[in-house]
Amino acid sequence: MNYRFETTTTMKEYNSRKWWIDGDYIRPVTIQAETVKEALTLWREFVEERYWMTISNNALKNADPMYIDTEDGGARQVGYVITGKTYFDDRDTGRSNVMQFVDLWVNISAVTFPDFD
């Protein structure tokens, strides 16, 4: 299967007044894997290597489900909200490499490719 990961990055609410991060910091990526769990593990490795965003095993284990409303009034899970952490520069104190926690709102879709024959 091919899974497309679209991630919106936000600061944790408690530190959102002091710190800012681009919501599109982590770009969409398609990952080939047998299961969603395997795809999440590969996505985490990709995010850590490419974006310097650390996602712990505990953060994956405790990820909160992310839902959308359905037309019939129900809810459907479309991904997870996962805690990550990365480095920031503190302009107030002049310190660099200050670790801060962020929320990663990860929408996961199964991708199929059409047969053009």
PDB file of N, CA and C in Angstrom:
ATOM      1  N   MET A   1       0.838  -1.195   0.000  1.00  0.00           N
ATOM      2  CA  MET A   1       0.000   0.000   0.000  1.00  0.00           C
ATOM      3  C   MET A   1       0.876   1.249   0.000  1.00  0.00           C
ATOM      4  N   ASN A   2       0.326   2.290  -0.555  1.00  0.00           N
ATOM      5  CA  ASN A   2       0.945   3.611  -0.508  1.00  0.00           C
ATOM      6  C   ASN A   2       0.099   4.491   0.405  1.00  0.00           C
ATOM      7  N   TYR A   3       0.752   5.118   1.372  1.00  0.00           N
ATOM      8  CA  TYR A   3       0.072   5.993   2.324  1.00  0.00           C
ATOM      9  C   TYR A   3       0.615   7.411   2.162  1.00  0.00           C
ATOM     10  N   ARG A   4      -0.293   8.364   2.069  1.00  0.00           N
ATOM     11  CA  ARG A   4       0.094   9.777   1.979  1.00  0.00           C
ATOM     12  C   ARG A   4      -0.092  10.417   3.348  1.00  0.00           C
ATOM     13  N   PHE A   5       0.973  11.037   3.817  1.00  0.00           N
ATOM     14  CA  PHE A   5       0.977  11.719   5.113  1.00  0.00           C
ATOM     15  C   PHE A   5       0.985  13.217   4.862  1.00  0.00           C
ATOM     16  N   GLU A   6      -0.059  13.897   5.333  1.00  0.00           N
ATOM     17  CA  GLU A   6      -0.132  15.357   5.272  1.00  0.00           C
ATOM     18  C   GLU A   6      -0.148  15.862   6.708  1.00  0.00           C
ATOM     19  N   THR A   7       0.843  16.664   7.046  1.00  0.00           N
ATOM     20  CA  THR A   7       1.062  17.056   8.436  1.00  0.00           C
ATOM     21  C   THR A   7       0.931  18.561   8.605  1.00  0.00           C
ATOM     22  N   THR A   8       0.140  18.953   9.598  1.00  0.00           N
ATOM     23  CA  THR A   8       0.064  20.353  10.014  1.00  0.00           C
ATOM     24  C   THR A   8       0.749  20.444  11.367  1.00  0.00           C
ATOM     25  N   THR A   9       1.696  21.358  11.484  1.00  0.00           N
ATOM     26  CA  THR A   9       2.483  21.500  12.709  1.00  0.00           C
ATOM     27  C   THR A   9       2.019  22.729  13.474  1.00  0.00           C
ATOM     28  N   THR A  10       1.742  22.556  14.766  1.00  0.00           N
ATOM     29  CA  THR A  10       1.352  23.674  15.632  1.00  0.00           C
ATOM     30  C   THR A  10       2.144  23.601  16.936  1.00  0.00           C
ATOM     31  N   MET A  11       2.324  24.736  17.558  1.00  0.00           N
ATOM     32  CA  MET A  11       2.943  24.760  18.878  1.00  0.00           C
ATOM     33  C   MET A  11       1.943  24.220  19.898  1.00  0.00           C
ATOM     34  N   LYS A  12       2.453  23.641  20.950  1.00  0.00           N
ATOM     35  CA  LYS A  12       1.576  23.268  22.062  1.00  0.00           C
ATOM     36  C   LYS A  12       0.920  24.554  22.575  1.00  0.00           C
ATOM     37  N   GLU A  13      -0.306  24.432  23.029  1.00  0.00           N
ATOM     38  CA  GLU A  13      -1.059  25.627  23.425  1.00  0.00           C
ATOM     39  C   GLU A  13      -0.343  26.434  24.505  1.00  0.00           C
ATOM     40  N   TYR A  14       0.290  25.763  25.457  1.00  0.00           N
ATOM     41  CA  TYR A  14       0.918  26.468  26.570  1.00  0.00           C
ATOM     42  C   TYR A  14       2.108  27.337  26.148  1.00  0.00           C
ATOM     43  N   ASN A  15       2.697  27.070  24.962  1.00  0.00           N
ATOM     44  CA  ASN A  15       3.820  27.913  24.558  1.00  0.00           C
ATOM     45  C   ASN A  15       3.603  28.584  23.199  1.00  0.00           C
ATOM     46  N   SER A  16       2.362  28.663  22.775  1.00  0.00           N
ATOM     47  CA  SER A  16       2.070  29.223  21.458  1.00  0.00           C
ATOM     48  C   SER A  16       2.178  30.751  21.414  1.00  0.00           C
ATOM     49  N   ARG A  17       2.193  31.420  22.560  1.00  0.00           N
ATOM     50  CA  ARG A  17       2.329  32.877  22.551  1.00  0.00           C
ATOM     51  C   ARG A  17       3.785  33.310  22.361  1.00  0.00           C
ATOM     52  N   LYS A  18       4.707  32.504  22.826  1.00  0.00           N
ATOM     53  CA  LYS A  18       6.128  32.861  22.713  1.00  0.00           C
ATOM     54  C   LYS A  18       6.761  32.292  21.444  1.00  0.00           C
ATOM     55  N   TRP A  19       6.358  31.096  21.055  1.00  0.00           N
ATOM     56  CA  TRP A  19       7.008  30.394  19.954  1.00  0.00           C
ATOM     57  C   TRP A  19       6.072  30.296  18.767  1.00  0.00           C
ATOM     58  N   TRP A  20       6.665  30.194  17.583  1.00  0.00           N
ATOM     59  CA  TRP A  20       5.885  30.055  16.354  1.00  0.00           C
ATOM     60  C   TRP A  20       6.587  29.051  15.453  1.00  0.00           C
ATOM     61  N   ILE A  21       5.773  28.231  14.746  1.00  0.00           N
ATOM     62  CA  ILE A  21       6.321  27.310  13.753  1.00  0.00           C
ATOM     63  C   ILE A  21       5.393  27.323  12.547  1.00  0.00           C
ATOM     64  N   ASP A  22       5.947  27.218  11.368  1.00  0.00           N
ATOM     65  CA  ASP A  22       5.171  27.178  10.135  1.00  0.00           C
ATOM     66  C   ASP A  22       4.312  25.917  10.123  1.00  0.00           C
ATOM     67  N   GLY A  23       3.030  26.073   9.895  1.00  0.00           N
ATOM     68  CA  GLY A  23       2.119  24.928   9.853  1.00  0.00           C
ATOM     69  C   GLY A  23       2.476  23.923   8.777  1.00  0.00           C
ATOM     70  N   ASP A  24       3.126  24.386   7.711  1.00  0.00           N
ATOM     71  CA  ASP A  24       3.545  23.515   6.612  1.00  0.00           C
ATOM     72  C   ASP A  24       5.010  23.105   6.734  1.00  0.00           C
ATOM     73  N   TYR A  25       5.554  23.156   7.924  1.00  0.00           N
ATOM     74  CA  TYR A  25       6.962  22.830   8.149  1.00  0.00           C
ATOM     75  C   TYR A  25       7.312  21.444   7.614  1.00  0.00           C
ATOM     76  N   ILE A  26       6.440  20.469   7.855  1.00  0.00           N
ATOM     77  CA  ILE A  26       6.645  19.110   7.353  1.00  0.00           C
ATOM     78  C   ILE A  26       5.790  18.943   6.106  1.00  0.00           C
ATOM     79  N   ARG A  27       6.437  18.753   4.977  1.00  0.00           N
ATOM     80  CA  ARG A  27       5.757  18.643   3.686  1.00  0.00           C
ATOM     81  C   ARG A  27       5.101  17.269   3.532  1.00  0.00           C
ATOM     82  N   PRO A  28       4.053  17.184   2.702  1.00  0.00           N
ATOM     83  CA  PRO A  28       3.405  15.886   2.457  1.00  0.00           C
ATOM     84  C   PRO A  28       4.387  14.882   1.846  1.00  0.00           C
ATOM     85  N   VAL A  29       4.193  13.626   2.190  1.00  0.00           N
ATOM     86  CA  VAL A  29       5.048  12.556   1.679  1.00  0.00           C
ATOM     87  C   VAL A  29       4.202  11.288   1.509  1.00  0.00           C
ATOM     88  N   THR A  30       4.528  10.498   0.500  1.00  0.00           N
ATOM     89  CA  THR A  30       3.883   9.207   0.285  1.00  0.00           C
ATOM     90  C   THR A  30       4.878   8.121   0.653  1.00  0.00           C
ATOM     91  N   ILE A  31       4.421   7.173   1.472  1.00  0.00           N
ATOM     92  CA  ILE A  31       5.283   6.107   1.973  1.00  0.00           C
ATOM     93  C   ILE A  31       4.663   4.763   1.627  1.00  0.00           C
ATOM     94  N   GLN A  32       5.490   3.859   1.132  1.00  0.00           N
ATOM     95  CA  GLN A  32       5.031   2.516   0.798  1.00  0.00           C
ATOM     96  C   GLN A  32       5.297   1.608   1.989  1.00  0.00           C
ATOM     97  N   ALA A  33       4.233   0.909   2.439  1.00  0.00           N
ATOM     98  CA  ALA A  33       4.345   0.012   3.589  1.00  0.00           C
ATOM     99  C   ALA A  33       3.199  -0.991   3.543  1.00  0.00           C
ATOM    100  N   GLU A  34       3.334  -2.051   4.322  1.00  0.00           N
ATOM    101  CA  GLU A  34       2.296  -3.086   4.387  1.00  0.00           C
ATOM    102  C   GLU A  34       1.103  -2.652   5.242  1.00  0.00           C
ATOM    103  N   THR A  35       1.381  -1.891   6.312  1.00  0.00           N
ATOM    104  CA  THR A  35       0.334  -1.494   7.254  1.00  0.00           C
ATOM    105  C   THR A  35       0.495  -0.025   7.628  1.00  0.00           C
ATOM    106  N   VAL A  36      -0.546   0.541   8.217  1.00  0.00           N
ATOM    107  CA  VAL A  36      -0.466   1.927   8.702  1.00  0.00           C
ATOM    108  C   VAL A  36       0.592   2.031   9.794  1.00  0.00           C
ATOM    109  N   LYS A  37       0.665   1.048  10.667  1.00  0.00           N
ATOM    110  CA  LYS A  37       1.657   1.072  11.751  1.00  0.00           C
ATOM    111  C   LYS A  37       3.075   1.117  11.188  1.00  0.00           C
ATOM    112  N   GLU A  38       3.362   0.290  10.186  1.00  0.00           N
ATOM    113  CA  GLU A  38       4.677   0.303   9.555  1.00  0.00           C
ATOM    114  C   GLU A  38       4.933   1.644   8.861  1.00  0.00           C
ATOM    115  N   ALA A  39       3.904   2.164   8.188  1.00  0.00           N
ATOM    116  CA  ALA A  39       4.040   3.452   7.509  1.00  0.00           C
ATOM    117  C   ALA A  39       4.338   4.569   8.512  1.00  0.00           C
ATOM    118  N   LEU A  40       3.686   4.530   9.670  1.00  0.00           N
ATOM    119  CA  LEU A  40       3.956   5.539  10.708  1.00  0.00           C
ATOM    120  C   LEU A  40       5.407   5.490  11.170  1.00  0.00           C
ATOM    121  N   THR A  41       5.943   4.296  11.334  1.00  0.00           N
ATOM    122  CA  THR A  41       7.332   4.151  11.746  1.00  0.00           C
ATOM    123  C   THR A  41       8.273   4.722  10.686  1.00  0.00           C
ATOM    124  N   LEU A  42       8.007   4.412   9.416  1.00  0.00           N
ATOM    125  CA  LEU A  42       8.829   4.942   8.324  1.00  0.00           C
ATOM    126  C   LEU A  42       8.679   6.463   8.203  1.00  0.00           C
ATOM    127  N   TRP A  43       7.458   6.965   8.411  1.00  0.00           N
ATOM    128  CA  TRP A  43       7.217   8.416   8.385  1.00  0.00           C
ATOM    129  C   TRP A  43       8.015   9.106   9.484  1.00  0.00           C
ATOM    130  N   ARG A  44       7.996   8.523  10.680  1.00  0.00           N
ATOM    131  CA  ARG A  44       8.740   9.095  11.803  1.00  0.00           C
ATOM    132  C   ARG A  44      10.223   9.194  11.468  1.00  0.00           C
ATOM    133  N   GLU A  45      10.797   8.138  10.904  1.00  0.00           N
ATOM    134  CA  GLU A  45      12.210   8.169  10.509  1.00  0.00           C
ATOM    135  C   GLU A  45      12.469   9.263   9.472  1.00  0.00           C
ATOM    136  N   PHE A  46      11.570   9.392   8.510  1.00  0.00           N
ATOM    137  CA  PHE A  46      11.695  10.421   7.481  1.00  0.00           C
ATOM    138  C   PHE A  46      11.662  11.815   8.096  1.00  0.00           C
ATOM    139  N   VAL A  47      10.721  12.044   8.992  1.00  0.00           N
ATOM    140  CA  VAL A  47      10.570  13.356   9.639  1.00  0.00           C
ATOM    141  C   VAL A  47      11.800  13.689  10.478  1.00  0.00           C
ATOM    142  N   GLU A  48      12.338  12.712  11.184  1.00  0.00           N
ATOM    143  CA  GLU A  48      13.527  12.955  12.006  1.00  0.00           C
ATOM    144  C   GLU A  48      14.746  13.271  11.137  1.00  0.00           C
ATOM    145  N   GLU A  49      14.923  12.560  10.041  1.00  0.00           N
ATOM    146  CA  GLU A  49      16.078  12.779   9.170  1.00  0.00           C
ATOM    147  C   GLU A  49      15.967  14.084   8.384  1.00  0.00           C
ATOM    148  N   ARG A  50      14.786  14.363   7.880  1.00  0.00           N
ATOM    149  CA  ARG A  50      14.614  15.505   6.970  1.00  0.00           C
ATOM    150  C   ARG A  50      14.334  16.823   7.694  1.00  0.00           C
ATOM    151  N   TYR A  51      13.585  16.757   8.799  1.00  0.00           N
ATOM    152  CA  TYR A  51      13.106  17.980   9.454  1.00  0.00           C
ATOM    153  C   TYR A  51      13.630  18.168  10.885  1.00  0.00           C
ATOM    154  N   TRP A  52      14.467  17.281  11.362  1.00  0.00           N
ATOM    155  CA  TRP A  52      15.034  17.382  12.708  1.00  0.00           C
ATOM    156  C   TRP A  52      13.951  17.454  13.782  1.00  0.00           C
ATOM    157  N   MET A  53      12.871  16.728  13.559  1.00  0.00           N
ATOM    158  CA  MET A  53      11.750  16.676  14.495  1.00  0.00           C
ATOM    159  C   MET A  53      11.799  15.310  15.176  1.00  0.00           C
ATOM    160  N   THR A  54      11.971  15.294  16.484  1.00  0.00           N
ATOM    161  CA  THR A  54      12.057  14.045  17.230  1.00  0.00           C
ATOM    162  C   THR A  54      10.658  13.601  17.649  1.00  0.00           C
ATOM    163  N   ILE A  55      10.350  12.329  17.373  1.00  0.00           N
ATOM    164  CA  ILE A  55       9.082  11.721  17.776  1.00  0.00           C
ATOM    165  C   ILE A  55       9.440  10.438  18.519  1.00  0.00           C
ATOM    166  N   SER A  56       9.148  10.392  19.790  1.00  0.00           N
ATOM    167  CA  SER A  56       9.542   9.245  20.609  1.00  0.00           C
ATOM    168  C   SER A  56       8.606   8.052  20.385  1.00  0.00           C
ATOM    169  N   ASN A  57       9.077   6.881  20.803  1.00  0.00           N
ATOM    170  CA  ASN A  57       8.219   5.690  20.769  1.00  0.00           C
ATOM    171  C   ASN A  57       6.971   5.911  21.609  1.00  0.00           C
ATOM    172  N   ASN A  58       7.152   6.571  22.746  1.00  0.00           N
ATOM    173  CA  ASN A  58       6.032   6.859  23.635  1.00  0.00           C
ATOM    174  C   ASN A  58       5.021   7.797  22.967  1.00  0.00           C
ATOM    175  N   ALA A  59       5.514   8.773  22.210  1.00  0.00           N
ATOM    176  CA  ALA A  59       4.623   9.707  21.509  1.00  0.00           C
ATOM    177  C   ALA A  59       3.786   8.959  20.474  1.00  0.00           C
ATOM    178  N   LEU A  60       4.384   8.018  19.762  1.00  0.00           N
ATOM    179  CA  LEU A  60       3.612   7.220  18.793  1.00  0.00           C
ATOM    180  C   LEU A  60       2.604   6.332  19.505  1.00  0.00           C
ATOM    181  N   LYS A  61       3.030   5.714  20.604  1.00  0.00           N
ATOM    182  CA  LYS A  61       2.146   4.827  21.361  1.00  0.00           C
ATOM    183  C   LYS A  61       0.940   5.581  21.926  1.00  0.00           C
ATOM    184  N   ASN A  62       1.153   6.836  22.324  1.00  0.00           N
ATOM    185  CA  ASN A  62       0.094   7.638  22.950  1.00  0.00           C
ATOM    186  C   ASN A  62      -0.534   8.653  21.998  1.00  0.00           C
ATOM    187  N   ALA A  63      -0.361   8.460  20.702  1.00  0.00           N
ATOM    188  CA  ALA A  63      -0.939   9.386  19.729  1.00  0.00           C
ATOM    189  C   ALA A  63      -2.455   9.426  19.877  1.00  0.00           C
ATOM    190  N   ASP A  64      -3.017  10.624  19.787  1.00  0.00           N
ATOM    191  CA  ASP A  64      -4.471  10.778  19.870  1.00  0.00           C
ATOM    192  C   ASP A  64      -5.078  10.639  18.475  1.00  0.00           C
ATOM    193  N   PRO A  65      -6.170   9.913  18.364  1.00  0.00           N
ATOM    194  CA  PRO A  65      -6.837   9.811  17.065  1.00  0.00           C
ATOM    195  C   PRO A  65      -7.344  11.180  16.613  1.00  0.00           C
ATOM    196  N   MET A  66      -7.311  11.424  15.311  1.00  0.00           N
ATOM    197  CA  MET A  66      -7.817  12.664  14.722  1.00  0.00           C
ATOM    198  C   MET A  66      -9.021  12.292  13.857  1.00  0.00           C
ATOM    199  N   TYR A  67     -10.130  13.011  14.030  1.00  0.00           N
ATOM    200  CA  TYR A  67     -11.385  12.668  13.366  1.00  0.00           C
ATOM    201  C   TYR A  67     -11.894  13.819  12.501  1.00  0.00           C
ATOM    202  N   ILE A  68     -12.748  13.453  11.545  1.00  0.00           N
ATOM    203  CA  ILE A  68     -13.550  14.425  10.808  1.00  0.00           C
ATOM    204  C   ILE A  68     -15.002  14.011  10.964  1.00  0.00           C
ATOM    205  N   ASP A  69     -15.904  14.971  10.800  1.00  0.00           N
ATOM    206  CA  ASP A  69     -17.333  14.676  10.831  1.00  0.00           C
ATOM    207  C   ASP A  69     -17.757  14.071   9.501  1.00  0.00           C
ATOM    208  N   THR A  70     -18.672  13.106   9.568  1.00  0.00           N
ATOM    209  CA  THR A  70     -19.211  12.513   8.354  1.00  0.00           C
ATOM    210  C   THR A  70     -20.564  13.138   8.047  1.00  0.00           C
ATOM    211  N   GLU A  71     -21.038  12.929   6.841  1.00  0.00           N
ATOM    212  CA  GLU A  71     -22.313  13.521   6.418  1.00  0.00           C
ATOM    213  C   GLU A  71     -23.492  13.026   7.247  1.00  0.00           C
ATOM    214  N   ASP A  72     -23.395  11.798   7.753  1.00  0.00           N
ATOM    215  CA  ASP A  72     -24.499  11.240   8.536  1.00  0.00           C
ATOM    216  C   ASP A  72     -24.423  11.609  10.023  1.00  0.00           C
ATOM    217  N   GLY A  73     -23.534  12.543  10.373  1.00  0.00           N
ATOM    218  CA  GLY A  73     -23.444  13.012  11.756  1.00  0.00           C
ATOM    219  C   GLY A  73     -22.477  12.220  12.607  1.00  0.00           C
ATOM    220  N   GLY A  74     -21.816  11.252  12.032  1.00  0.00           N
ATOM    221  CA  GLY A  74     -20.843  10.462  12.774  1.00  0.00           C
ATOM    222  C   GLY A  74     -19.462  11.072  12.688  1.00  0.00           C
ATOM    223  N   ALA A  75     -18.486  10.268  13.029  1.00  0.00           N
ATOM    224  CA  ALA A  75     -17.096  10.697  12.972  1.00  0.00           C
ATOM    225  C   ALA A  75     -16.268   9.585  12.345  1.00  0.00           C
ATOM    226  N   ARG A  76     -15.225   9.973  11.638  1.00  0.00           N
ATOM    227  CA  ARG A  76     -14.335   9.010  11.001  1.00  0.00           C
ATOM    228  C   ARG A  76     -12.894   9.404  11.310  1.00  0.00           C
ATOM    229  N   GLN A  77     -12.110   8.424  11.762  1.00  0.00           N
ATOM    230  CA  GLN A  77     -10.706   8.707  12.039  1.00  0.00           C
ATOM    231  C   GLN A  77      -9.956   8.868  10.725  1.00  0.00           C
ATOM    232  N   VAL A  78      -9.160   9.952  10.644  1.00  0.00           N
ATOM    233  CA  VAL A  78      -8.374  10.231   9.440  1.00  0.00           C
ATOM    234  C   VAL A  78      -6.877  10.318   9.734  1.00  0.00           C
ATOM    235  N   GLY A  79      -6.498  10.165  10.994  1.00  0.00           N
ATOM    236  CA  GLY A  79      -5.086  10.242  11.331  1.00  0.00           C
ATOM    237  C   GLY A  79      -4.874  10.333  12.826  1.00  0.00           C
ATOM    238  N   TYR A  80      -3.772  10.990  13.179  1.00  0.00           N
ATOM    239  CA  TYR A  80      -3.381  11.104  14.586  1.00  0.00           C
ATOM    240  C   TYR A  80      -2.847  12.502  14.888  1.00  0.00           C
ATOM    241  N   VAL A  81      -2.932  12.863  16.167  1.00  0.00           N
ATOM    242  CA  VAL A  81      -2.226  14.036  16.688  1.00  0.00           C
ATOM    243  C   VAL A  81      -1.079  13.475  17.524  1.00  0.00           C
ATOM    244  N   ILE A  82       0.138  13.805  17.112  1.00  0.00           N
ATOM    245  CA  ILE A  82       1.335  13.226  17.717  1.00  0.00           C
ATOM    246  C   ILE A  82       2.215  14.351  18.247  1.00  0.00           C
ATOM    247  N   THR A  83       2.775  14.157  19.430  1.00  0.00           N
ATOM    248  CA  THR A  83       3.700  15.135  19.999  1.00  0.00           C
ATOM    249  C   THR A  83       5.098  14.909  19.445  1.00  0.00           C
ATOM    250  N   GLY A  84       5.703  15.990  18.984  1.00  0.00           N
ATOM    251  CA  GLY A  84       7.095  15.959  18.542  1.00  0.00           C
ATOM    252  C   GLY A  84       7.850  17.053  19.259  1.00  0.00           C
ATOM    253  N   LYS A  85       9.153  17.053  19.099  1.00  0.00           N
ATOM    254  CA  LYS A  85       9.942  18.138  19.678  1.00  0.00           C
ATOM    255  C   LYS A  85      11.059  18.492  18.716  1.00  0.00           C
ATOM    256  N   THR A  86      11.405  19.772  18.728  1.00  0.00           N
ATOM    257  CA  THR A  86      12.458  20.271  17.857  1.00  0.00           C
ATOM    258  C   THR A  86      13.107  21.485  18.506  1.00  0.00           C
ATOM    259  N   TYR A  87      14.164  21.954  17.878  1.00  0.00           N
ATOM    260  CA  TYR A  87      14.935  23.076  18.423  1.00  0.00           C
ATOM    261  C   TYR A  87      14.471  24.413  17.857  1.00  0.00           C
ATOM    262  N   PHE A  88      14.516  25.423  18.700  1.00  0.00           N
ATOM    263  CA  PHE A  88      14.176  26.794  18.334  1.00  0.00           C
ATOM    264  C   PHE A  88      15.271  27.725  18.845  1.00  0.00           C
ATOM    265  N   ASP A  89      15.309  28.930  18.289  1.00  0.00           N
ATOM    266  CA  ASP A  89      16.168  29.990  18.812  1.00  0.00           C
ATOM    267  C   ASP A  89      15.299  30.909  19.655  1.00  0.00           C
ATOM    268  N   ASP A  90      15.760  31.229  20.854  1.00  0.00           N
ATOM    269  CA  ASP A  90      15.032  32.120  21.754  1.00  0.00           C
ATOM    270  C   ASP A  90      15.559  33.538  21.558  1.00  0.00           C
ATOM    271  N   ARG A  91      14.809  34.353  20.846  1.00  0.00           N
ATOM    272  CA  ARG A  91      15.238  35.721  20.548  1.00  0.00           C
ATOM    273  C   ARG A  91      15.242  36.606  21.791  1.00  0.00           C
ATOM    274  N   ASP A  92      14.406  36.270  22.788  1.00  0.00           N
ATOM    275  CA  ASP A  92      14.348  37.078  24.004  1.00  0.00           C
ATOM    276  C   ASP A  92      15.627  36.951  24.824  1.00  0.00           C
ATOM    277  N   THR A  93      16.177  35.736  24.889  1.00  0.00           N
ATOM    278  CA  THR A  93      17.357  35.506  25.720  1.00  0.00           C
ATOM    279  C   THR A  93      18.639  35.345  24.907  1.00  0.00           C
ATOM    280  N   GLY A  94      18.500  35.191  23.600  1.00  0.00           N
ATOM    281  CA  GLY A  94      19.667  34.988  22.747  1.00  0.00           C
ATOM    282  C   GLY A  94      20.168  33.553  22.731  1.00  0.00           C
ATOM    283  N   ARG A  95      19.472  32.672  23.414  1.00  0.00           N
ATOM    284  CA  ARG A  95      19.875  31.263  23.441  1.00  0.00           C
ATOM    285  C   ARG A  95      19.437  30.573  22.154  1.00  0.00           C
ATOM    286  N   SER A  96      20.260  29.675  21.668  1.00  0.00           N
ATOM    287  CA  SER A  96      19.866  28.874  20.509  1.00  0.00           C
ATOM    288  C   SER A  96      19.726  27.419  20.939  1.00  0.00           C
ATOM    289  N   ASN A  97      19.099  26.645  20.105  1.00  0.00           N
ATOM    290  CA  ASN A  97      18.867  25.226  20.360  1.00  0.00           C
ATOM    291  C   ASN A  97      18.064  24.970  21.633  1.00  0.00           C
ATOM    292  N   VAL A  98      16.950  25.689  21.755  1.00  0.00           N
ATOM    293  CA  VAL A  98      16.031  25.488  22.874  1.00  0.00           C
ATOM    294  C   VAL A  98      14.974  24.485  22.419  1.00  0.00           C
ATOM    295  N   MET A  99      14.894  23.350  23.117  1.00  0.00           N
ATOM    296  CA  MET A  99      13.952  22.295  22.743  1.00  0.00           C
ATOM    297  C   MET A  99      12.538  22.689  23.143  1.00  0.00           C
ATOM    298  N   GLN A 100      11.594  22.565  22.194  1.00  0.00           N
ATOM    299  CA  GLN A 100      10.186  22.858  22.451  1.00  0.00           C
ATOM    300  C   GLN A 100       9.331  21.749  21.858  1.00  0.00           C
ATOM    301  N   PHE A 101       8.175  21.515  22.476  1.00  0.00           N
ATOM    302  CA  PHE A 101       7.242  20.487  22.010  1.00  0.00           C
ATOM    303  C   PHE A 101       6.219  21.094  21.061  1.00  0.00           C
ATOM    304  N   VAL A 102       5.829  20.304  20.072  1.00  0.00           N
ATOM    305  CA  VAL A 102       4.845  20.721  19.080  1.00  0.00           C
ATOM    306  C   VAL A 102       3.827  19.595  18.883  1.00  0.00           C
ATOM    307  N   ASP A 103       2.678  19.957  18.314  1.00  0.00           N
ATOM    308  CA  ASP A 103       1.677  18.969  17.918  1.00  0.00           C
ATOM    309  C   ASP A 103       1.770  18.771  16.418  1.00  0.00           C
ATOM    310  N   LEU A 104       1.788  17.517  16.004  1.00  0.00           N
ATOM    311  CA  LEU A 104       1.795  17.155  14.593  1.00  0.00           C
ATOM    312  C   LEU A 104       0.430  16.550  14.277  1.00  0.00           C
ATOM    313  N   TRP A 105      -0.363  17.252  13.483  1.00  0.00           N
ATOM    314  CA  TRP A 105      -1.696  16.818  13.085  1.00  0.00           C
ATOM    315  C   TRP A 105      -1.530  16.063  11.766  1.00  0.00           C
ATOM    316  N   VAL A 106      -1.528  14.741  11.840  1.00  0.00           N
ATOM    317  CA  VAL A 106      -1.137  13.898  10.709  1.00  0.00           C
ATOM    318  C   VAL A 106      -2.369  13.247  10.085  1.00  0.00           C
ATOM    319  N   ASN A 107      -2.701  13.678   8.866  1.00  0.00           N
ATOM    320  CA  ASN A 107      -3.793  13.087   8.091  1.00  0.00           C
ATOM    321  C   ASN A 107      -3.177  11.999   7.212  1.00  0.00           C
ATOM    322  N   ILE A 108      -3.701  10.772   7.312  1.00  0.00           N
ATOM    323  CA  ILE A 108      -3.150   9.633   6.571  1.00  0.00           C
ATOM    324  C   ILE A 108      -4.199   9.128   5.591  1.00  0.00           C
ATOM    325  N   SER A 109      -3.825   9.042   4.316  1.00  0.00           N
ATOM    326  CA  SER A 109      -4.726   8.547   3.271  1.00  0.00           C
ATOM    327  C   SER A 109      -4.063   7.397   2.544  1.00  0.00           C
ATOM    328  N   ALA A 110      -4.872   6.407   2.159  1.00  0.00           N
ATOM    329  CA  ALA A 110      -4.374   5.333   1.298  1.00  0.00           C
ATOM    330  C   ALA A 110      -4.446   5.839  -0.135  1.00  0.00           C
ATOM    331  N   VAL A 111      -3.359   5.666  -0.877  1.00  0.00           N
ATOM    332  CA  VAL A 111      -3.268   6.180  -2.238  1.00  0.00           C
ATOM    333  C   VAL A 111      -3.266   5.010  -3.221  1.00  0.00           C
ATOM    334  N   THR A 112      -4.103   5.120  -4.221  1.00  0.00           N
ATOM    335  CA  THR A 112      -4.055   4.160  -5.321  1.00  0.00           C
ATOM    336  C   THR A 112      -3.780   4.930  -6.605  1.00  0.00           C
ATOM    337  N   PHE A 113      -3.130   4.265  -7.501  1.00  0.00           N
ATOM    338  CA  PHE A 113      -2.795   4.901  -8.763  1.00  0.00           C
ATOM    339  C   PHE A 113      -3.645   4.272  -9.874  1.00  0.00           C
ATOM    340  N   PRO A 114      -4.236   5.074 -10.745  1.00  0.00           N
ATOM    341  CA  PRO A 114      -5.106   4.549 -11.781  1.00  0.00           C
ATOM    342  C   PRO A 114      -4.323   3.794 -12.848  1.00  0.00           C
ATOM    343  N   ASP A 115      -5.010   2.876 -13.492  1.00  0.00           N
ATOM    344  CA  ASP A 115      -4.434   2.163 -14.634  1.00  0.00           C
ATOM    345  C   ASP A 115      -4.777   2.966 -15.880  1.00  0.00           C
ATOM    346  N   PHE A 116      -3.786   3.480 -16.571  1.00  0.00           N
ATOM    347  CA  PHE A 116      -4.016   4.361 -17.718  1.00  0.00           C
ATOM    348  C   PHE A 116      -4.148   3.616 -19.039  1.00  0.00           C
ATOM    349  N   ASP A 117      -4.208   2.308 -18.992  1.00  0.00           N
ATOM    350  CA  ASP A 117      -4.367   1.529 -20.252  1.00  0.00           C
ATOM    351  C   ASP A 117      -5.802   1.485 -20.695  1.00  0.00           C
TER     352      ASP A 117
END
